C-alpha atoms as a PDB file:
ATOM      1  CA  MET A   1      -2.386   8.607 -28.400  1.00  0.00           C
ATOM      2  CA  ALA A   2      -2.532  10.120 -24.984  1.00  0.00           C
ATOM      3  CA  ASN A   3      -5.776  12.741 -25.002  1.00  0.00           C
ATOM      4  CA  LYS A   4      -4.550  16.807 -24.452  1.00  0.00           C
ATOM      5  CA  ASP A   5      -5.954  16.326 -20.335  1.00  0.00           C
ATOM      6  CA  GLU A   6      -4.146  13.311 -20.062  1.00  0.00           C
ATOM      7  CA  ALA A   7      -0.939  15.544 -21.010  1.00  0.00           C
ATOM      8  CA  ILE A   8       1.189  15.931 -17.291  1.00  0.00           C
ATOM      9  CA  GLU A   9       2.712  19.299 -16.994  1.00  0.00           C
ATOM     10  CA  VAL A  10       5.633  20.722 -16.261  1.00  0.00           C
ATOM     11  CA  GLU A  11       8.326  23.492 -16.150  1.00  0.00           C
ATOM     12  CA  GLY A  12      11.668  23.482 -16.740  1.00  0.00           C
ATOM     13  CA  ILE A  13      14.944  25.961 -18.030  1.00  0.00           C
ATOM     14  CA  VAL A  14      15.994  25.085 -21.515  1.00  0.00           C
ATOM     15  CA  LYS A  15      19.699  24.238 -21.203  1.00  0.00           C
ATOM     16  CA  GLU A  16      21.088  23.581 -25.032  1.00  0.00           C
ATOM     17  CA  ALA A  17      19.471  23.721 -28.141  1.00  0.00           C
ATOM     18  CA  LEU A  18      19.313  21.736 -31.021  1.00  0.00           C
ATOM     19  CA  PRO A  19      18.586  20.847 -34.657  1.00  0.00           C
ATOM     20  CA  ASN A  20      15.175  21.185 -35.977  1.00  0.00           C
ATOM     21  CA  THR A  21      13.072  22.803 -33.178  1.00  0.00           C
ATOM     22  CA  MET A  22      15.020  20.601 -30.473  1.00  0.00           C
ATOM     23  CA  PHE A  23      16.032  21.361 -26.364  1.00  0.00           C
ATOM     24  CA  ARG A  24      17.254  19.972 -23.803  1.00  0.00           C
ATOM     25  CA  VAL A  25      15.576  20.870 -20.976  1.00  0.00           C
ATOM     26  CA  GLU A  26      16.465  20.363 -16.889  1.00  0.00           C
ATOM     27  CA  LEU A  27      13.233  19.910 -14.867  1.00  0.00           C
ATOM     28  CA  GLN A  28      13.002  21.295 -11.700  1.00  0.00           C
ATOM     29  CA  ASN A  29      13.336  18.208 -10.327  1.00  0.00           C
ATOM     30  CA  LYS A  30      16.650  18.231 -12.024  1.00  0.00           C
ATOM     31  CA  HIS A  31      15.614  15.393 -14.304  1.00  0.00           C
ATOM     32  CA  ILE A  32      16.951  16.565 -17.547  1.00  0.00           C
ATOM     33  CA  ILE A  33      14.127  15.872 -20.895  1.00  0.00           C
ATOM     34  CA  LEU A  34      14.285  16.082 -25.060  1.00  0.00           C
ATOM     35  CA  ALA A  35      11.068  18.406 -25.478  1.00  0.00           C
ATOM     36  CA  HIS A  36      10.383  20.525 -29.041  1.00  0.00           C
ATOM     37  CA  LEU A  37       8.306  22.879 -30.085  1.00  0.00           C
ATOM     38  CA  SER A  38       5.022  22.934 -30.060  1.00  0.00           C
ATOM     39  CA  GLY A  39       2.920  23.865 -33.624  1.00  0.00           C
ATOM     40  CA  LYS A  40       0.857  26.841 -31.955  1.00  0.00           C
ATOM     41  CA  MET A  41       4.774  28.696 -31.174  1.00  0.00           C
ATOM     42  CA  ARG A  42       6.161  27.524 -35.192  1.00  0.00           C
ATOM     43  CA  LYS A  43       3.497  29.222 -36.245  1.00  0.00           C
ATOM     44  CA  HIS A  44       3.565  32.642 -34.097  1.00  0.00           C
ATOM     45  CA  TYR A  45       6.739  32.090 -34.236  1.00  0.00           C
ATOM     46  CA  ILE A  46       8.366  32.389 -30.748  1.00  0.00           C
ATOM     47  CA  ARG A  47      12.347  32.208 -30.240  1.00  0.00           C
ATOM     48  CA  ILE A  48      13.339  30.190 -27.339  1.00  0.00           C
ATOM     49  CA  VAL A  49      17.196  30.387 -26.030  1.00  0.00           C
ATOM     50  CA  PRO A  50      18.578  28.803 -23.605  1.00  0.00           C
ATOM     51  CA  GLY A  51      18.316  29.911 -19.711  1.00  0.00           C
ATOM     52  CA  ASP A  52      14.740  30.496 -20.928  1.00  0.00           C
ATOM     53  CA  SER A  53      12.025  29.408 -18.518  1.00  0.00           C
ATOM     54  CA  VAL A  54       9.207  26.920 -20.219  1.00  0.00           C
ATOM     55  CA  LYS A  55       6.350  24.741 -19.406  1.00  0.00           C
ATOM     56  CA  ILE A  56       6.654  21.375 -21.014  1.00  0.00           C
ATOM     57  CA  GLU A  57       3.776  18.619 -21.725  1.00  0.00           C
ATOM     58  CA  LEU A  58       5.039  15.440 -21.496  1.00  0.00           C
ATOM     59  CA  SER A  59       3.240  12.030 -22.174  1.00  0.00           C
ATOM     60  CA  PRO A  60       1.855   9.613 -19.444  1.00  0.00           C
ATOM     61  CA  TYR A  61       3.593   6.866 -21.731  1.00  0.00           C
ATOM     62  CA  ASP A  62       7.045   8.998 -22.803  1.00  0.00           C
ATOM     63  CA  LEU A  63       8.663  10.886 -20.034  1.00  0.00           C
ATOM     64  CA  ASN A  64      11.570  11.593 -21.559  1.00  0.00           C
ATOM     65  CA  ARG A  65      10.424  13.235 -24.349  1.00  0.00           C
ATOM     66  CA  GLY A  66       8.383  16.261 -24.268  1.00  0.00           C
ATOM     67  CA  ARG A  67       6.644  19.062 -26.330  1.00  0.00           C
ATOM     68  CA  ILE A  68       7.057  22.894 -24.782  1.00  0.00           C
ATOM     69  CA  ILE A  69       4.057  25.042 -24.928  1.00  0.00           C
ATOM     70  CA  PHE A  70       4.463  27.913 -23.218  1.00  0.00           C
ATOM     71  CA  ARG A  71       7.857  30.217 -22.730  1.00  0.00           C
ATOM     72  CA  GLU A  72       7.851  32.166 -19.240  1.00  0.00           C
ATOM     73  CA  ARG A  73       8.750  35.718 -19.659  1.00  0.00           C
END
């Protein structure tokens, strides 16, 4: 499993909300990935809606899936 410091951080815009706190996110380079909400954001009930700008952590092993770690205001 990748360490936290190996993760790639990118920014994108949420395009679609899917079941089980999954989201389809369009990155700044126009790639579409599947991302889930981080545990800390779930714990604090931070809501994500389509159109939100978010920061995502990508694993270097699978660049099509990520974890939403921050929602921009």
